[in-house]
Amino acid sequence: MNEEQSSSLSDIRLVAFDVDGVLTDGRLYYGPEGESLKVFHVRDGVALKVLPDVGIEVAVVSAKDSPALRARLSDLGVQHAFVGCHDKLHRLQALADELGLAPHQVAFVGDDLVDLKVMDWCGCGLAPADAYSLVLERADRVLTVSGGQGVARCVADLILNAQGLYDQAYSLAADAHFERKRDSAGQ
């Protein structure tokens, strides 16, 4: 990581994640009744819980909506969950305004063309290793892991290290109380 990327990661106060192709491997599974099934990596759950515990807001923004996604976000207590959202840029700009954050304080992780506007707007655009080729070219940082393989954890580690919060964050995560189910009110 070059100095410019390190400094932008040290400014991050909100990190937002796309779902399909980022928090999942991008494949869509349908059950016999037509329901959508999703597979999430447990390491991402730790990241989505530990970042807010050290003062970094987390958002999840997805054009798709499903009971599986809603259940996972609820279990993790994600405060800023926007599902069925077809204008990610507008939604994240509004959230940044609500939180009093400038674009350089926002990071976004996306994997496909629909994510480019947000990646271009925010302070740091990140992409999984297997993102679409144009996204890989335009990302500020390409991660070492593919979608669904711990992307959020990789991003959390980068941000926590850049901000000197890694040890503090993971000492919180090592506590047995950390694994409790959290609700959308953060409890």
N, C-alpha and C. Protein backbone atom coordinates (compact mmCIF):
# COMPACT_ATOMS: atom_id res chain seq x y z
N MET A 1 0.86 -1.18 0.00
CA MET A 1 0.00 0.00 0.00
C MET A 1 0.90 1.23 0.00
N ASN A 2 0.60 2.17 -0.88
CA ASN A 2 1.42 3.37 -0.90
C ASN A 2 0.98 4.34 0.18
N GLU A 3 1.77 5.41 0.39
CA GLU A 3 1.50 6.36 1.47
C GLU A 3 0.14 7.02 1.31
N GLU A 4 -0.24 7.35 0.07
CA GLU A 4 -1.52 8.00 -0.17
C GLU A 4 -2.68 7.10 0.27
N GLN A 5 -2.61 5.81 -0.07
CA GLN A 5 -3.67 4.89 0.33
C GLN A 5 -3.70 4.74 1.85
N SER A 6 -2.54 4.66 2.48
CA SER A 6 -2.48 4.53 3.92
C SER A 6 -3.12 5.74 4.59
N SER A 7 -2.81 6.93 4.08
CA SER A 7 -3.38 8.12 4.69
C SER A 7 -4.89 8.16 4.47
N SER A 8 -5.38 7.71 3.31
CA SER A 8 -6.83 7.72 3.11
C SER A 8 -7.51 6.71 4.03
N LEU A 9 -6.88 5.57 4.28
CA LEU A 9 -7.46 4.60 5.19
C LEU A 9 -7.46 5.12 6.62
N SER A 10 -6.50 5.94 6.98
CA SER A 10 -6.46 6.47 8.33
C SER A 10 -7.57 7.50 8.57
N ASP A 11 -8.13 8.04 7.50
CA ASP A 11 -9.22 9.02 7.61
C ASP A 11 -10.62 8.38 7.65
N ILE A 12 -10.72 7.10 7.38
CA ILE A 12 -12.02 6.45 7.20
C ILE A 12 -12.80 6.40 8.51
N ARG A 13 -14.04 6.86 8.44
CA ARG A 13 -14.96 6.82 9.58
C ARG A 13 -16.23 6.03 9.25
N LEU A 14 -16.41 5.70 7.96
CA LEU A 14 -17.54 4.90 7.49
C LEU A 14 -17.04 4.00 6.38
N VAL A 15 -17.29 2.71 6.51
CA VAL A 15 -16.98 1.78 5.43
C VAL A 15 -18.28 1.08 5.04
N ALA A 16 -18.56 1.10 3.72
CA ALA A 16 -19.79 0.52 3.20
C ALA A 16 -19.44 -0.65 2.28
N PHE A 17 -20.27 -1.68 2.35
CA PHE A 17 -20.04 -2.89 1.58
C PHE A 17 -21.23 -3.20 0.69
N ASP A 18 -20.96 -3.56 -0.55
CA ASP A 18 -21.93 -4.20 -1.41
C ASP A 18 -22.08 -5.63 -0.87
N VAL A 19 -23.08 -6.36 -1.34
CA VAL A 19 -23.28 -7.72 -0.84
C VAL A 19 -22.84 -8.77 -1.86
N ASP A 20 -23.58 -8.91 -2.94
CA ASP A 20 -23.29 -9.97 -3.90
C ASP A 20 -21.98 -9.70 -4.63
N GLY A 21 -21.04 -10.61 -4.48
CA GLY A 21 -19.71 -10.46 -5.05
C GLY A 21 -18.72 -9.83 -4.10
N VAL A 22 -19.19 -9.37 -2.95
CA VAL A 22 -18.32 -8.78 -1.92
C VAL A 22 -18.45 -9.60 -0.64
N LEU A 23 -19.62 -9.51 0.00
CA LEU A 23 -19.86 -10.31 1.21
C LEU A 23 -20.27 -11.74 0.87
N THR A 24 -20.62 -11.97 -0.39
CA THR A 24 -20.88 -13.33 -0.88
C THR A 24 -19.98 -13.55 -2.09
N ASP A 25 -19.96 -14.78 -2.59
CA ASP A 25 -19.11 -15.06 -3.75
C ASP A 25 -19.74 -14.61 -5.07
N GLY A 26 -20.91 -14.01 -4.99
CA GLY A 26 -21.56 -13.49 -6.19
C GLY A 26 -22.50 -14.45 -6.88
N ARG A 27 -22.46 -15.72 -6.48
CA ARG A 27 -23.38 -16.68 -7.08
C ARG A 27 -24.73 -16.56 -6.39
N LEU A 28 -25.80 -16.75 -7.15
CA LEU A 28 -27.15 -16.70 -6.60
C LEU A 28 -27.70 -18.11 -6.53
N TYR A 29 -28.19 -18.47 -5.37
CA TYR A 29 -28.75 -19.80 -5.15
C TYR A 29 -30.25 -19.67 -4.96
N TYR A 30 -31.01 -20.55 -5.59
CA TYR A 30 -32.46 -20.54 -5.42
C TYR A 30 -32.90 -21.90 -4.91
N GLY A 31 -33.72 -21.89 -3.85
CA GLY A 31 -34.26 -23.11 -3.29
C GLY A 31 -35.44 -23.60 -4.10
N PRO A 32 -36.02 -24.73 -3.71
CA PRO A 32 -37.12 -25.33 -4.46
C PRO A 32 -38.37 -24.45 -4.53
N GLU A 33 -38.53 -23.57 -3.58
CA GLU A 33 -39.69 -22.67 -3.58
C GLU A 33 -39.35 -21.32 -4.21
N GLY A 34 -38.16 -21.22 -4.79
CA GLY A 34 -37.75 -19.98 -5.44
C GLY A 34 -37.10 -18.98 -4.50
N GLU A 35 -36.91 -19.38 -3.23
CA GLU A 35 -36.30 -18.45 -2.28
C GLU A 35 -34.81 -18.32 -2.57
N SER A 36 -34.29 -17.15 -2.30
CA SER A 36 -32.87 -16.87 -2.53
C SER A 36 -32.09 -17.28 -1.29
N LEU A 37 -31.00 -18.01 -1.51
CA LEU A 37 -30.14 -18.44 -0.43
C LEU A 37 -28.79 -17.74 -0.59
N LYS A 38 -28.17 -17.36 0.50
CA LYS A 38 -26.88 -16.69 0.46
C LYS A 38 -25.94 -17.35 1.46
N VAL A 39 -24.66 -17.36 1.11
CA VAL A 39 -23.63 -17.92 1.97
C VAL A 39 -22.71 -16.77 2.38
N PHE A 40 -22.53 -16.62 3.70
CA PHE A 40 -21.69 -15.55 4.25
C PHE A 40 -20.50 -16.17 4.97
N HIS A 41 -19.39 -15.48 4.96
CA HIS A 41 -18.18 -15.94 5.64
C HIS A 41 -18.20 -15.44 7.09
N VAL A 42 -17.94 -16.32 8.03
CA VAL A 42 -18.00 -15.97 9.44
C VAL A 42 -17.00 -14.87 9.79
N ARG A 43 -15.84 -14.83 9.12
CA ARG A 43 -14.86 -13.79 9.43
C ARG A 43 -15.40 -12.40 9.12
N ASP A 44 -16.25 -12.29 8.11
CA ASP A 44 -16.84 -10.99 7.80
C ASP A 44 -17.74 -10.52 8.94
N GLY A 45 -18.40 -11.45 9.60
CA GLY A 45 -19.25 -11.09 10.73
C GLY A 45 -18.45 -10.42 11.84
N VAL A 46 -17.26 -10.94 12.11
CA VAL A 46 -16.39 -10.33 13.11
C VAL A 46 -16.06 -8.90 12.71
N ALA A 47 -15.71 -8.71 11.45
CA ALA A 47 -15.36 -7.37 10.97
C ALA A 47 -16.53 -6.40 11.08
N LEU A 48 -17.72 -6.84 10.70
CA LEU A 48 -18.89 -5.96 10.72
C LEU A 48 -19.31 -5.61 12.14
N LYS A 49 -18.89 -6.41 13.11
CA LYS A 49 -19.17 -6.10 14.51
C LYS A 49 -18.05 -5.30 15.17
N VAL A 50 -16.81 -5.59 14.83
CA VAL A 50 -15.69 -4.96 15.53
C VAL A 50 -15.48 -3.51 15.09
N LEU A 51 -15.72 -3.20 13.84
CA LEU A 51 -15.50 -1.82 13.38
C LEU A 51 -16.34 -0.82 14.17
N PRO A 52 -17.65 -1.01 14.31
CA PRO A 52 -18.43 -0.06 15.12
C PRO A 52 -18.00 -0.02 16.58
N ASP A 53 -17.49 -1.13 17.08
CA ASP A 53 -17.03 -1.18 18.47
C ASP A 53 -15.85 -0.25 18.72
N VAL A 54 -15.12 0.11 17.66
CA VAL A 54 -13.99 1.04 17.80
C VAL A 54 -14.27 2.38 17.12
N GLY A 55 -15.54 2.65 16.82
CA GLY A 55 -15.93 3.97 16.32
C GLY A 55 -15.96 4.16 14.82
N ILE A 56 -15.88 3.10 14.06
CA ILE A 56 -15.96 3.20 12.61
C ILE A 56 -17.31 2.65 12.17
N GLU A 57 -18.12 3.52 11.58
CA GLU A 57 -19.46 3.13 11.14
C GLU A 57 -19.38 2.12 9.99
N VAL A 58 -20.36 1.22 9.94
CA VAL A 58 -20.46 0.21 8.89
C VAL A 58 -21.82 0.34 8.23
N ALA A 59 -21.81 0.27 6.90
CA ALA A 59 -23.05 0.23 6.14
C ALA A 59 -22.98 -0.94 5.16
N VAL A 60 -24.13 -1.51 4.89
CA VAL A 60 -24.26 -2.53 3.86
C VAL A 60 -25.32 -2.03 2.89
N VAL A 61 -24.97 -1.99 1.61
CA VAL A 61 -25.85 -1.44 0.58
C VAL A 61 -25.97 -2.46 -0.53
N SER A 62 -27.20 -2.93 -0.78
CA SER A 62 -27.40 -3.95 -1.80
C SER A 62 -28.64 -3.64 -2.64
N ALA A 63 -28.51 -3.83 -3.92
CA ALA A 63 -29.68 -3.68 -4.80
C ALA A 63 -30.68 -4.80 -4.57
N LYS A 64 -30.19 -5.94 -4.13
CA LYS A 64 -31.06 -7.08 -3.87
C LYS A 64 -31.54 -7.08 -2.42
N ASP A 65 -32.65 -7.76 -2.21
CA ASP A 65 -33.21 -7.91 -0.88
C ASP A 65 -33.61 -9.37 -0.73
N SER A 66 -33.36 -9.93 0.42
CA SER A 66 -33.79 -11.31 0.67
C SER A 66 -33.90 -11.52 2.17
N PRO A 67 -34.73 -12.47 2.57
CA PRO A 67 -34.82 -12.79 4.00
C PRO A 67 -33.47 -13.24 4.58
N ALA A 68 -32.69 -13.96 3.80
CA ALA A 68 -31.38 -14.42 4.29
C ALA A 68 -30.46 -13.23 4.58
N LEU A 69 -30.45 -12.26 3.69
CA LEU A 69 -29.61 -11.08 3.89
C LEU A 69 -30.09 -10.28 5.10
N ARG A 70 -31.38 -10.07 5.19
CA ARG A 70 -31.93 -9.32 6.33
C ARG A 70 -31.61 -10.02 7.66
N ALA A 71 -31.71 -11.35 7.67
CA ALA A 71 -31.42 -12.10 8.90
C ALA A 71 -29.96 -11.95 9.30
N ARG A 72 -29.05 -12.05 8.33
CA ARG A 72 -27.63 -11.92 8.65
C ARG A 72 -27.30 -10.52 9.17
N LEU A 73 -27.83 -9.49 8.53
CA LEU A 73 -27.56 -8.12 8.95
C LEU A 73 -28.15 -7.85 10.33
N SER A 74 -29.32 -8.42 10.60
CA SER A 74 -29.93 -8.28 11.91
C SER A 74 -29.10 -8.98 12.99
N ASP A 75 -28.66 -10.20 12.71
CA ASP A 75 -27.83 -10.95 13.66
C ASP A 75 -26.57 -10.18 14.03
N LEU A 76 -26.02 -9.46 13.07
CA LEU A 76 -24.77 -8.73 13.30
C LEU A 76 -25.00 -7.33 13.85
N GLY A 77 -26.27 -6.90 13.88
CA GLY A 77 -26.58 -5.58 14.41
C GLY A 77 -26.10 -4.45 13.51
N VAL A 78 -26.07 -4.68 12.21
CA VAL A 78 -25.63 -3.63 11.28
C VAL A 78 -26.62 -2.47 11.35
N GLN A 79 -26.13 -1.32 11.75
CA GLN A 79 -26.98 -0.14 11.96
C GLN A 79 -27.45 0.49 10.66
N HIS A 80 -26.62 0.45 9.64
CA HIS A 80 -26.93 1.13 8.39
C HIS A 80 -27.04 0.08 7.29
N ALA A 81 -28.20 -0.57 7.22
CA ALA A 81 -28.45 -1.62 6.24
C ALA A 81 -29.47 -1.12 5.23
N PHE A 82 -29.05 -1.06 3.98
CA PHE A 82 -29.91 -0.57 2.91
C PHE A 82 -30.04 -1.65 1.85
N VAL A 83 -31.14 -2.40 1.91
CA VAL A 83 -31.37 -3.48 0.95
C VAL A 83 -32.45 -3.04 -0.03
N GLY A 84 -32.40 -3.58 -1.22
CA GLY A 84 -33.31 -3.15 -2.28
C GLY A 84 -33.01 -1.71 -2.70
N CYS A 85 -31.75 -1.31 -2.57
CA CYS A 85 -31.32 0.07 -2.84
C CYS A 85 -30.74 0.14 -4.25
N HIS A 86 -31.39 0.89 -5.11
CA HIS A 86 -30.95 0.96 -6.51
C HIS A 86 -30.16 2.22 -6.83
N ASP A 87 -29.97 3.10 -5.86
CA ASP A 87 -29.12 4.27 -6.05
C ASP A 87 -28.15 4.34 -4.87
N LYS A 88 -27.12 3.52 -4.95
CA LYS A 88 -26.16 3.40 -3.85
C LYS A 88 -25.45 4.71 -3.57
N LEU A 89 -25.10 5.44 -4.62
CA LEU A 89 -24.40 6.70 -4.44
C LEU A 89 -25.24 7.69 -3.64
N HIS A 90 -26.47 7.88 -4.05
CA HIS A 90 -27.36 8.81 -3.34
C HIS A 90 -27.52 8.39 -1.88
N ARG A 91 -27.72 7.09 -1.65
CA ARG A 91 -27.94 6.57 -0.30
C ARG A 91 -26.72 6.81 0.58
N LEU A 92 -25.52 6.56 0.05
CA LEU A 92 -24.31 6.75 0.85
C LEU A 92 -23.98 8.23 1.04
N GLN A 93 -24.27 9.06 0.05
CA GLN A 93 -24.08 10.49 0.23
C GLN A 93 -24.99 11.01 1.34
N ALA A 94 -26.24 10.54 1.34
CA ALA A 94 -27.18 10.95 2.39
C ALA A 94 -26.72 10.47 3.76
N LEU A 95 -26.22 9.24 3.84
CA LEU A 95 -25.73 8.72 5.12
C LEU A 95 -24.50 9.50 5.59
N ALA A 96 -23.60 9.79 4.68
CA ALA A 96 -22.42 10.58 5.04
C ALA A 96 -22.84 11.95 5.57
N ASP A 97 -23.79 12.59 4.90
CA ASP A 97 -24.30 13.89 5.37
C ASP A 97 -24.90 13.76 6.77
N GLU A 98 -25.71 12.72 6.96
CA GLU A 98 -26.35 12.47 8.26
C GLU A 98 -25.32 12.28 9.36
N LEU A 99 -24.21 11.62 9.04
CA LEU A 99 -23.16 11.36 10.02
C LEU A 99 -22.14 12.49 10.10
N GLY A 100 -22.29 13.51 9.26
CA GLY A 100 -21.36 14.63 9.26
C GLY A 100 -19.99 14.29 8.70
N LEU A 101 -19.96 13.40 7.71
CA LEU A 101 -18.70 12.95 7.13
C LEU A 101 -18.50 13.49 5.73
N ALA A 102 -17.27 13.78 5.40
CA ALA A 102 -16.88 14.20 4.05
C ALA A 102 -16.58 12.94 3.23
N PRO A 103 -16.62 13.04 1.90
CA PRO A 103 -16.33 11.86 1.07
C PRO A 103 -15.00 11.19 1.39
N HIS A 104 -13.96 11.96 1.74
CA HIS A 104 -12.66 11.34 2.01
C HIS A 104 -12.67 10.48 3.27
N GLN A 105 -13.74 10.56 4.07
CA GLN A 105 -13.86 9.75 5.28
C GLN A 105 -14.67 8.48 5.05
N VAL A 106 -15.05 8.24 3.79
CA VAL A 106 -15.89 7.10 3.44
C VAL A 106 -15.12 6.15 2.54
N ALA A 107 -15.20 4.85 2.84
CA ALA A 107 -14.66 3.81 1.98
C ALA A 107 -15.83 2.98 1.48
N PHE A 108 -15.70 2.47 0.27
CA PHE A 108 -16.74 1.61 -0.29
C PHE A 108 -16.08 0.41 -0.95
N VAL A 109 -16.68 -0.76 -0.73
CA VAL A 109 -16.18 -1.99 -1.31
C VAL A 109 -17.21 -2.51 -2.29
N GLY A 110 -16.83 -2.56 -3.57
CA GLY A 110 -17.73 -3.02 -4.61
C GLY A 110 -17.02 -3.90 -5.61
N ASP A 111 -17.81 -4.59 -6.43
CA ASP A 111 -17.21 -5.55 -7.35
C ASP A 111 -17.68 -5.44 -8.80
N ASP A 112 -18.67 -4.59 -9.08
CA ASP A 112 -19.20 -4.58 -10.44
C ASP A 112 -19.47 -3.15 -10.90
N LEU A 113 -19.86 -3.01 -12.14
CA LEU A 113 -20.02 -1.70 -12.77
C LEU A 113 -20.93 -0.75 -12.00
N VAL A 114 -22.00 -1.28 -11.42
CA VAL A 114 -22.95 -0.45 -10.67
C VAL A 114 -22.29 0.22 -9.47
N ASP A 115 -21.15 -0.28 -9.03
CA ASP A 115 -20.46 0.24 -7.86
C ASP A 115 -19.46 1.35 -8.19
N LEU A 116 -19.16 1.55 -9.45
CA LEU A 116 -18.11 2.51 -9.83
C LEU A 116 -18.41 3.94 -9.42
N LYS A 117 -19.65 4.39 -9.53
CA LYS A 117 -19.98 5.77 -9.14
C LYS A 117 -19.67 6.01 -7.67
N VAL A 118 -20.00 5.05 -6.84
CA VAL A 118 -19.74 5.19 -5.41
C VAL A 118 -18.24 5.14 -5.15
N MET A 119 -17.55 4.23 -5.80
CA MET A 119 -16.10 4.11 -5.61
C MET A 119 -15.38 5.38 -6.04
N ASP A 120 -15.85 6.01 -7.10
CA ASP A 120 -15.25 7.25 -7.58
C ASP A 120 -15.53 8.42 -6.63
N TRP A 121 -16.67 8.42 -5.96
CA TRP A 121 -17.07 9.51 -5.07
C TRP A 121 -16.34 9.47 -3.74
N CYS A 122 -16.17 8.29 -3.19
CA CYS A 122 -15.66 8.18 -1.82
C CYS A 122 -14.14 8.32 -1.76
N GLY A 123 -13.64 8.41 -0.55
CA GLY A 123 -12.21 8.58 -0.34
C GLY A 123 -11.38 7.38 -0.69
N CYS A 124 -11.96 6.19 -0.58
CA CYS A 124 -11.21 4.97 -0.88
C CYS A 124 -12.15 3.91 -1.42
N GLY A 125 -11.95 3.55 -2.68
CA GLY A 125 -12.72 2.48 -3.30
C GLY A 125 -11.91 1.20 -3.31
N LEU A 126 -12.49 0.15 -2.76
CA LEU A 126 -11.80 -1.13 -2.67
C LEU A 126 -12.56 -2.19 -3.45
N ALA A 127 -11.83 -3.18 -3.96
CA ALA A 127 -12.46 -4.24 -4.75
C ALA A 127 -11.89 -5.60 -4.35
N PRO A 128 -12.75 -6.63 -4.31
CA PRO A 128 -12.25 -7.98 -4.09
C PRO A 128 -11.34 -8.39 -5.26
N ALA A 129 -10.49 -9.37 -5.03
CA ALA A 129 -9.54 -9.82 -6.05
C ALA A 129 -10.21 -10.29 -7.33
N ASP A 130 -11.44 -10.79 -7.23
CA ASP A 130 -12.13 -11.31 -8.41
C ASP A 130 -13.21 -10.38 -8.94
N ALA A 131 -13.12 -9.09 -8.62
CA ALA A 131 -14.09 -8.12 -9.13
C ALA A 131 -13.98 -8.02 -10.65
N TYR A 132 -15.00 -7.42 -11.25
CA TYR A 132 -15.02 -7.21 -12.70
C TYR A 132 -13.79 -6.39 -13.10
N SER A 133 -13.22 -6.66 -14.26
CA SER A 133 -11.94 -6.07 -14.67
C SER A 133 -11.92 -4.55 -14.62
N LEU A 134 -12.96 -3.87 -15.06
CA LEU A 134 -12.98 -2.41 -15.02
C LEU A 134 -12.97 -1.89 -13.58
N VAL A 135 -13.62 -2.61 -12.69
CA VAL A 135 -13.63 -2.23 -11.27
C VAL A 135 -12.23 -2.40 -10.69
N LEU A 136 -11.55 -3.48 -11.06
CA LEU A 136 -10.17 -3.69 -10.60
C LEU A 136 -9.26 -2.56 -11.06
N GLU A 137 -9.46 -2.09 -12.28
CA GLU A 137 -8.64 -1.00 -12.82
C GLU A 137 -8.88 0.32 -12.08
N ARG A 138 -10.11 0.56 -11.67
CA ARG A 138 -10.47 1.85 -11.07
C ARG A 138 -10.40 1.88 -9.55
N ALA A 139 -10.27 0.73 -8.92
CA ALA A 139 -10.22 0.67 -7.45
C ALA A 139 -8.94 1.32 -6.95
N ASP A 140 -9.04 2.00 -5.79
CA ASP A 140 -7.86 2.53 -5.12
C ASP A 140 -7.02 1.40 -4.55
N ARG A 141 -7.71 0.33 -4.20
CA ARG A 141 -7.03 -0.81 -3.57
C ARG A 141 -7.74 -2.09 -3.98
N VAL A 142 -6.97 -3.06 -4.51
CA VAL A 142 -7.51 -4.38 -4.82
C VAL A 142 -7.09 -5.30 -3.67
N LEU A 143 -8.07 -5.97 -3.11
CA LEU A 143 -7.82 -6.84 -1.96
C LEU A 143 -7.18 -8.16 -2.38
N THR A 144 -6.65 -8.87 -1.44
CA THR A 144 -5.99 -10.15 -1.71
C THR A 144 -6.97 -11.32 -1.69
N VAL A 145 -8.22 -11.06 -1.30
CA VAL A 145 -9.22 -12.12 -1.21
C VAL A 145 -10.36 -11.86 -2.20
N SER A 146 -11.01 -12.93 -2.60
CA SER A 146 -12.14 -12.85 -3.52
C SER A 146 -13.44 -12.64 -2.75
N GLY A 147 -14.47 -12.25 -3.46
CA GLY A 147 -15.79 -12.06 -2.86
C GLY A 147 -16.25 -13.30 -2.12
N GLY A 148 -16.81 -13.09 -0.93
CA GLY A 148 -17.32 -14.19 -0.13
C GLY A 148 -16.26 -14.94 0.64
N GLN A 149 -15.02 -14.51 0.55
CA GLN A 149 -13.91 -15.22 1.20
C GLN A 149 -13.26 -14.41 2.31
N GLY A 150 -14.04 -13.52 2.93
CA GLY A 150 -13.52 -12.73 4.03
C GLY A 150 -13.14 -11.31 3.63
N VAL A 151 -13.82 -10.76 2.65
CA VAL A 151 -13.54 -9.40 2.16
C VAL A 151 -13.67 -8.36 3.28
N ALA A 152 -14.76 -8.41 4.03
CA ALA A 152 -14.95 -7.40 5.09
C ALA A 152 -13.86 -7.50 6.14
N ARG A 153 -13.43 -8.69 6.47
CA ARG A 153 -12.36 -8.87 7.45
C ARG A 153 -11.05 -8.29 6.92
N CYS A 154 -10.76 -8.52 5.65
CA CYS A 154 -9.56 -7.97 5.03
C CYS A 154 -9.60 -6.44 5.07
N VAL A 155 -10.73 -5.85 4.73
CA VAL A 155 -10.88 -4.39 4.76
C VAL A 155 -10.74 -3.87 6.19
N ALA A 156 -11.39 -4.54 7.13
CA ALA A 156 -11.30 -4.13 8.53
C ALA A 156 -9.85 -4.14 9.00
N ASP A 157 -9.12 -5.19 8.66
CA ASP A 157 -7.72 -5.28 9.08
C ASP A 157 -6.90 -4.13 8.50
N LEU A 158 -7.13 -3.79 7.23
CA LEU A 158 -6.40 -2.68 6.60
C LEU A 158 -6.69 -1.36 7.33
N ILE A 159 -7.97 -1.11 7.58
CA ILE A 159 -8.36 0.15 8.23
C ILE A 159 -7.86 0.19 9.67
N LEU A 160 -8.06 -0.89 10.40
CA LEU A 160 -7.63 -0.93 11.80
C LEU A 160 -6.12 -0.76 11.92
N ASN A 161 -5.37 -1.38 11.04
CA ASN A 161 -3.90 -1.19 11.06
C ASN A 161 -3.52 0.24 10.72
N ALA A 162 -4.17 0.83 9.71
CA ALA A 162 -3.85 2.21 9.31
C ALA A 162 -4.16 3.20 10.42
N GLN A 163 -5.14 2.87 11.26
CA GLN A 163 -5.55 3.78 12.33
C GLN A 163 -4.98 3.40 13.69
N GLY A 164 -4.13 2.39 13.73
CA GLY A 164 -3.52 1.97 14.99
C GLY A 164 -4.51 1.36 15.97
N LEU A 165 -5.59 0.79 15.45
CA LEU A 165 -6.66 0.23 16.30
C LEU A 165 -6.72 -1.29 16.28
N TYR A 166 -5.82 -1.93 15.56
CA TYR A 166 -5.90 -3.37 15.37
C TYR A 166 -5.91 -4.13 16.70
N ASP A 167 -4.93 -3.89 17.53
CA ASP A 167 -4.84 -4.63 18.80
C ASP A 167 -6.04 -4.37 19.70
N GLN A 168 -6.45 -3.11 19.79
CA GLN A 168 -7.62 -2.76 20.61
C GLN A 168 -8.87 -3.47 20.09
N ALA A 169 -9.07 -3.43 18.79
CA ALA A 169 -10.27 -4.03 18.21
C ALA A 169 -10.33 -5.53 18.46
N TYR A 170 -9.23 -6.20 18.22
CA TYR A 170 -9.27 -7.65 18.35
C TYR A 170 -9.17 -8.12 19.80
N SER A 171 -8.78 -7.26 20.71
CA SER A 171 -8.90 -7.63 22.12
C SER A 171 -10.37 -7.60 22.51
N LEU A 172 -11.14 -6.68 21.93
CA LEU A 172 -12.60 -6.67 22.15
C LEU A 172 -13.23 -7.92 21.56
N ALA A 173 -12.79 -8.30 20.37
CA ALA A 173 -13.37 -9.45 19.68
C ALA A 173 -13.06 -10.76 20.39
N ALA A 174 -11.99 -10.80 21.18
CA ALA A 174 -11.62 -12.01 21.89
C ALA A 174 -12.48 -12.25 23.13
N ASP A 175 -13.21 -11.24 23.57
CA ASP A 175 -14.08 -11.35 24.74
C ASP A 175 -15.31 -12.20 24.40
N ALA A 176 -15.72 -13.09 25.29
CA ALA A 176 -16.86 -13.97 25.04
C ALA A 176 -18.14 -13.18 24.77
N HIS A 177 -18.30 -12.02 25.37
CA HIS A 177 -19.49 -11.19 25.19
C HIS A 177 -19.61 -10.68 23.74
N PHE A 178 -18.49 -10.60 23.04
CA PHE A 178 -18.46 -10.09 21.67
C PHE A 178 -19.35 -10.92 20.73
N GLU A 179 -19.41 -12.21 20.95
CA GLU A 179 -20.14 -13.12 20.04
C GLU A 179 -21.66 -13.10 20.23
N ARG A 180 -22.17 -12.30 21.14
CA ARG A 180 -23.61 -12.26 21.35
C ARG A 180 -24.32 -11.83 20.06
N LYS A 181 -25.55 -12.22 19.94
CA LYS A 181 -26.37 -11.75 18.82
C LYS A 181 -26.69 -10.29 19.08
N ARG A 182 -26.50 -9.47 18.09
CA ARG A 182 -26.80 -8.05 18.21
C ARG A 182 -28.02 -7.75 17.40
N ASP A 183 -28.82 -6.83 17.85
CA ASP A 183 -29.98 -6.44 17.07
C ASP A 183 -29.70 -5.14 16.34
N SER A 184 -30.65 -4.70 15.55
CA SER A 184 -30.42 -3.50 14.73
C SER A 184 -30.26 -2.24 15.57
N ALA A 185 -30.57 -2.30 16.85
CA ALA A 185 -30.36 -1.15 17.72
C ALA A 185 -28.95 -1.19 18.34
N GLY A 186 -28.14 -2.21 17.93
CA GLY A 186 -26.78 -2.29 18.40
C GLY A 186 -26.63 -2.93 19.77
N GLN A 187 -27.67 -3.53 20.27
CA GLN A 187 -27.64 -4.14 21.60
C GLN A 187 -27.03 -5.52 21.58
